[in-house]
Amino acid sequence: MHALLVEDDDRMARALGTALAQRGHTVRRVGRALDALRHVHEAGFVLLDLGLPDLDGLELLRRLRTVCDAPLIVVTARCEERDIVQGLRAGADDYVVKPFRMAELMARIDTVRRRTDPRSGRAGAHPAHPADPGGVGGVGGVGGVGGVGGRPVPVRTGDVEVDLAGRTVTVAGAEVRLTRREFDVLAFLAARPDEVHSREVILDRIWGDVFLAASRSLDVHVAGIRAKTGRSHLVRTVRGFGYQLGSPTAPAKGDGTR
């Protein structure tokens, strides 16, 4: 697969380029944001350093996400929690802090590619539960039963509508733009609104890696869903276990959830 390596440090670029080539990837290395935007359409996946000379890496990440859906991993020396949260919210599929073990980075690349490949059949590409390919059930005021021609109908809860097939979310009739991963999480919960899903199951189905729990990536994406929709109870937290699609209008009470 063709990789776009956005890295302005020559030594790091050589090391990464060699490791990627040894795994059978072709590599285009660029050191400036403008060149990254020019060549990103060629990429099967992207490795992005945030410390670029011509543009802040987070801003470049946001711009890349407007023109490209390729798997993207941030590889950077920025290790503050704020930077990690911003990177994930801006659309990064993973975030790796320098210095790192090369074998771990290669494994993360494989994982990200696997979970974003439509042919893999993972939830990132097909959010609906495999036992319910034609539609999603509706309970507790959540609409969306059945479908036409195998196409799931939108799921509604309060004034929020999640279109699983069209990959869109509207709130009070206005479309809300979520990142790909935020939508995947919301769609996974909406596909089975009557079920509480453990953190491990969500991480495995959406990220392809149950051990990602230590990174708080899931919590960050849930926070992003709540903030962007303006519906803090749309995703219901079951303390010590996981998440469930909730009502966007009122919190649950008396069951250890929020």
Protein backbone atom coordinates (compact mmCIF):
# COMPACT_ATOMS: atom_id res chain seq x y z
CA MET A 1 0.00 0.00 0.00
CA HIS A 2 1.11 3.56 -0.69
CA ALA A 3 1.93 5.61 2.40
CA LEU A 4 2.18 9.38 2.68
CA LEU A 5 4.78 10.26 5.30
CA VAL A 6 4.54 13.87 6.46
CA GLU A 7 7.75 14.38 8.44
CA ASP A 8 10.25 17.24 8.28
CA ASP A 9 13.00 15.50 10.27
CA ASP A 10 15.29 13.71 7.82
CA ARG A 11 16.57 11.10 10.27
CA MET A 12 13.10 10.14 11.46
CA ALA A 13 11.82 10.10 7.88
CA ARG A 14 14.58 7.72 6.79
CA ALA A 15 13.89 5.34 9.68
CA LEU A 16 10.14 5.32 9.05
CA GLY A 17 10.57 5.03 5.30
CA THR A 18 12.87 2.03 5.68
CA ALA A 19 10.52 0.28 8.12
CA LEU A 20 7.52 0.85 5.86
CA ALA A 21 9.39 -0.34 2.76
CA GLN A 22 10.44 -3.51 4.57
CA ARG A 23 6.75 -4.24 5.14
CA GLY A 24 6.01 -3.87 1.44
CA HIS A 25 4.68 -0.31 1.39
CA THR A 26 5.64 2.34 -1.13
CA VAL A 27 6.35 5.68 0.53
CA ARG A 28 6.14 9.31 -0.49
CA ARG A 29 7.80 11.53 2.07
CA VAL A 30 6.99 15.23 2.27
CA GLY A 31 8.15 17.80 4.80
CA ARG A 32 5.66 20.60 4.25
CA ALA A 33 1.91 20.96 4.68
CA LEU A 34 1.35 22.22 1.14
CA ASP A 35 2.99 19.12 -0.32
CA ALA A 36 0.94 16.89 1.98
CA LEU A 37 -2.29 18.43 0.68
CA ARG A 38 -1.06 18.03 -2.90
CA HIS A 39 -0.26 14.32 -2.58
CA VAL A 40 -2.77 13.03 0.00
CA HIS A 41 -5.17 11.76 -2.68
CA GLU A 42 -2.54 9.17 -3.67
CA ALA A 43 -2.25 7.77 -0.14
CA GLY A 44 -3.60 4.50 1.20
CA PHE A 45 -2.72 5.77 4.67
CA VAL A 46 -0.98 8.79 6.22
CA LEU A 47 1.60 9.22 8.97
CA LEU A 48 1.56 12.84 10.14
CA ASP A 49 4.05 14.72 12.29
CA LEU A 50 2.55 17.80 13.92
CA GLY A 51 5.75 19.87 14.07
CA LEU A 52 5.85 21.20 10.50
CA PRO A 53 7.65 24.39 9.40
CA ASP A 54 4.86 25.97 7.32
CA LEU A 55 1.64 25.11 9.17
CA ASP A 56 0.58 23.76 12.54
CA GLY A 57 0.08 20.03 12.25
CA LEU A 58 -3.37 20.08 13.85
CA GLU A 59 -4.57 22.60 11.30
CA LEU A 60 -3.13 20.46 8.53
CA LEU A 61 -4.93 17.44 10.00
CA ARG A 62 -8.25 19.29 9.86
CA ARG A 63 -7.63 20.30 6.25
CA LEU A 64 -6.62 16.78 5.26
CA ARG A 65 -9.83 15.43 6.74
CA THR A 66 -11.88 17.73 4.50
CA VAL A 67 -10.36 16.25 1.34
CA CYS A 68 -9.31 12.72 2.29
CA ASP A 69 -10.74 9.78 4.23
CA ALA A 70 -7.58 7.67 4.26
CA PRO A 71 -6.50 6.15 7.60
CA LEU A 72 -4.30 8.68 9.42
CA ILE A 73 -1.98 8.25 12.38
CA VAL A 74 -0.38 11.20 14.14
CA VAL A 75 3.28 10.51 15.00
CA THR A 76 4.61 13.38 17.07
CA ALA A 77 6.59 14.51 20.08
CA ARG A 78 3.59 16.42 21.45
CA CYS A 79 2.55 14.37 24.47
CA GLU A 80 0.23 16.67 26.44
CA GLU A 81 -3.28 15.34 26.97
CA ARG A 82 -4.69 18.45 25.31
CA ASP A 83 -2.73 17.75 22.13
CA ILE A 84 -3.84 14.10 22.05
CA VAL A 85 -7.48 15.05 22.57
CA GLN A 86 -7.32 17.71 19.85
CA GLY A 87 -5.66 15.30 17.44
CA LEU A 88 -8.28 12.61 17.92
CA ARG A 89 -11.13 15.10 17.71
CA ALA A 90 -9.68 16.54 14.51
CA GLY A 91 -9.96 13.13 12.87
CA ALA A 92 -6.82 11.13 13.61
CA ASP A 93 -7.41 7.37 13.74
CA ASP A 94 -4.58 6.91 16.23
CA TYR A 95 -2.00 9.03 18.04
CA VAL A 96 1.56 7.84 18.68
CA VAL A 97 4.01 9.84 20.80
CA LYS A 98 7.75 9.99 20.03
CA PRO A 99 9.93 8.24 20.97
CA PHE A 100 8.16 5.00 20.10
CA ARG A 101 8.99 1.40 19.32
CA MET A 102 8.97 0.84 15.59
CA ALA A 103 7.32 -2.59 15.92
CA GLU A 104 4.47 -1.02 17.92
CA LEU A 105 3.93 1.67 15.29
CA MET A 106 3.85 -0.93 12.50
CA ALA A 107 1.29 -2.92 14.49
CA ARG A 108 -0.84 0.18 14.98
CA ILE A 109 -0.72 0.88 11.24
CA ASP A 110 -1.94 -2.65 10.55
CA THR A 111 -4.75 -2.25 13.10
CA VAL A 112 -5.91 1.10 11.74
CA ARG A 113 -5.87 -0.18 8.16
CA ARG A 114 -7.79 -3.31 9.16
CA ARG A 115 -10.54 -1.47 11.01
CA THR A 116 -11.00 1.17 8.27
CA ASP A 117 -10.98 -1.28 5.36
CA PRO A 118 -14.58 -1.80 4.12
CA ARG A 119 -13.67 -5.36 3.10
CA SER A 120 -12.80 -6.27 6.68
CA GLY A 121 -16.46 -6.22 7.74
CA ARG A 122 -15.64 -4.44 11.01
CA ALA A 123 -17.99 -1.96 12.59
CA GLY A 124 -15.99 1.00 11.36
CA ALA A 125 -17.20 0.22 7.84
CA HIS A 126 -20.54 -1.45 8.69
CA PRO A 127 -21.86 -0.03 11.97
CA ALA A 128 -24.99 -2.19 12.05
CA HIS A 129 -24.87 -5.33 14.15
CA PRO A 130 -24.04 -8.35 11.94
CA ALA A 131 -27.16 -10.14 13.16
CA ASP A 132 -29.31 -7.23 11.98
CA PRO A 133 -28.07 -6.25 8.51
CA GLY A 134 -31.39 -5.05 7.21
CA GLY A 135 -32.24 -2.51 9.87
CA VAL A 136 -32.15 -1.64 13.55
CA GLY A 137 -34.65 -2.24 16.28
CA GLY A 138 -36.46 0.57 18.04
CA VAL A 139 -37.24 0.63 21.75
CA GLY A 140 -37.64 3.19 24.49
CA GLY A 141 -38.81 5.90 22.08
CA VAL A 142 -36.07 5.18 19.54
CA GLY A 143 -37.44 4.80 16.00
CA GLY A 144 -35.91 2.89 13.11
CA VAL A 145 -37.49 -0.53 12.58
CA GLY A 146 -36.90 -2.43 9.38
CA GLY A 147 -35.67 -1.12 6.05
CA VAL A 148 -36.19 -1.24 2.32
CA GLY A 149 -34.05 -3.44 0.11
CA GLY A 150 -31.62 -4.19 2.93
CA ARG A 151 -31.03 -0.49 3.61
CA PRO A 152 -31.42 0.42 7.32
CA VAL A 153 -33.81 3.26 8.03
CA PRO A 154 -32.65 6.21 10.14
CA VAL A 155 -32.69 5.86 13.92
CA ARG A 156 -34.45 8.63 15.82
CA THR A 157 -34.25 9.56 19.47
CA GLY A 158 -35.78 12.87 20.51
CA ASP A 159 -34.83 15.46 17.89
CA VAL A 160 -31.72 13.51 16.83
CA GLU A 161 -31.70 11.36 13.69
CA VAL A 162 -28.84 9.00 12.84
CA ASP A 163 -28.85 7.86 9.21
CA LEU A 164 -26.78 4.67 9.29
CA ALA A 165 -26.75 4.23 5.54
CA GLY A 166 -26.11 7.86 4.62
CA ARG A 167 -23.67 8.35 7.53
CA THR A 168 -25.26 11.62 8.58
CA VAL A 169 -26.56 13.00 11.87
CA THR A 170 -29.16 15.75 12.22
CA VAL A 171 -30.26 17.59 15.34
CA ALA A 172 -33.56 19.47 15.18
CA GLY A 173 -33.38 19.12 11.40
CA ALA A 174 -29.87 20.58 11.05
CA GLU A 175 -26.97 18.38 10.00
CA VAL A 176 -24.13 17.98 12.51
CA ARG A 177 -20.67 17.11 11.20
CA LEU A 178 -18.98 14.36 13.21
CA THR A 179 -15.60 12.84 12.51
CA ARG A 180 -15.63 9.40 10.92
CA ARG A 181 -14.81 7.71 14.21
CA GLU A 182 -17.38 9.72 16.18
CA PHE A 183 -20.06 8.67 13.71
CA ASP A 184 -18.92 5.03 13.90
CA VAL A 185 -19.33 5.05 17.68
CA LEU A 186 -22.76 6.70 17.54
CA ALA A 187 -23.95 4.42 14.74
CA PHE A 188 -22.79 1.32 16.62
CA LEU A 189 -24.86 2.36 19.65
CA ALA A 190 -27.83 3.35 17.48
CA ALA A 191 -27.85 -0.01 15.70
CA ARG A 192 -28.73 -1.71 19.02
CA PRO A 193 -30.31 1.06 21.12
CA ASP A 194 -31.77 -1.36 23.66
CA GLU A 195 -28.37 -2.77 24.60
CA VAL A 196 -25.63 -1.50 26.88
CA HIS A 197 -22.28 -2.05 25.17
CA SER A 198 -19.10 -2.60 27.14
CA ARG A 199 -16.06 -0.44 26.50
CA GLU A 200 -14.15 -3.53 25.38
CA VAL A 201 -16.77 -4.48 22.78
CA ILE A 202 -16.93 -0.94 21.38
CA LEU A 203 -13.14 -0.68 21.19
CA ASP A 204 -12.88 -4.04 19.50
CA ARG A 205 -15.64 -3.39 16.97
CA ILE A 206 -14.76 0.24 16.14
CA TRP A 207 -11.01 0.44 16.79
CA GLY A 208 -10.14 -3.23 16.37
CA ASP A 209 -8.14 -3.08 19.59
CA VAL A 210 -9.58 -3.73 23.06
CA PHE A 211 -6.34 -2.52 24.65
CA LEU A 212 -6.96 1.00 23.38
CA ALA A 213 -8.99 1.50 26.58
CA ALA A 214 -5.89 2.84 28.31
CA SER A 215 -5.67 5.74 25.82
CA ARG A 216 -9.10 7.24 26.67
CA SER A 217 -9.73 7.51 22.95
CA LEU A 218 -13.29 6.20 23.31
CA ASP A 219 -14.11 8.72 26.04
CA VAL A 220 -12.75 11.54 23.89
CA HIS A 221 -14.95 10.54 20.96
CA VAL A 222 -18.03 10.24 23.16
CA ALA A 223 -17.32 13.72 24.51
CA GLY A 224 -17.04 14.95 20.93
CA ILE A 225 -20.43 13.47 20.01
CA ARG A 226 -22.08 15.14 22.99
CA ALA A 227 -20.43 18.51 22.38
CA LYS A 228 -21.10 18.68 18.63
CA THR A 229 -24.73 17.57 18.87
CA GLY A 230 -25.38 19.75 21.91
CA ARG A 231 -27.16 16.77 23.47
CA SER A 232 -25.22 15.72 26.53
CA HIS A 233 -27.44 12.68 27.21
CA LEU A 234 -27.46 11.33 23.65
CA VAL A 235 -24.78 8.84 24.70
CA ARG A 236 -25.56 7.34 28.09
CA THR A 237 -22.67 6.32 30.32
CA VAL A 238 -23.07 3.16 32.39
CA ARG A 239 -20.44 3.66 35.04
CA GLY A 240 -17.79 0.99 35.23
CA PHE A 241 -19.07 -0.78 32.11
CA GLY A 242 -19.70 1.13 28.91
CA TYR A 243 -22.21 3.13 26.87
CA GLN A 244 -25.72 3.01 25.44
CA LEU A 245 -27.72 5.23 23.11
CA GLY A 246 -29.73 7.52 25.37
CA SER A 247 -32.37 10.19 25.21
CA PRO A 248 -31.00 13.59 24.21
CA THR A 249 -33.54 15.39 26.39
CA ALA A 250 -33.32 13.89 29.87
CA PRO A 251 -30.75 11.96 31.96
CA ALA A 252 -31.42 8.51 33.35
CA LYS A 253 -31.86 8.39 37.12
CA GLY A 254 -31.29 5.88 39.86
CA ASP A 255 -29.38 3.31 37.82
CA GLY A 256 -25.79 4.41 38.22
CA THR A 257 -25.73 5.98 34.76
CA ARG A 258 -25.40 9.45 33.36
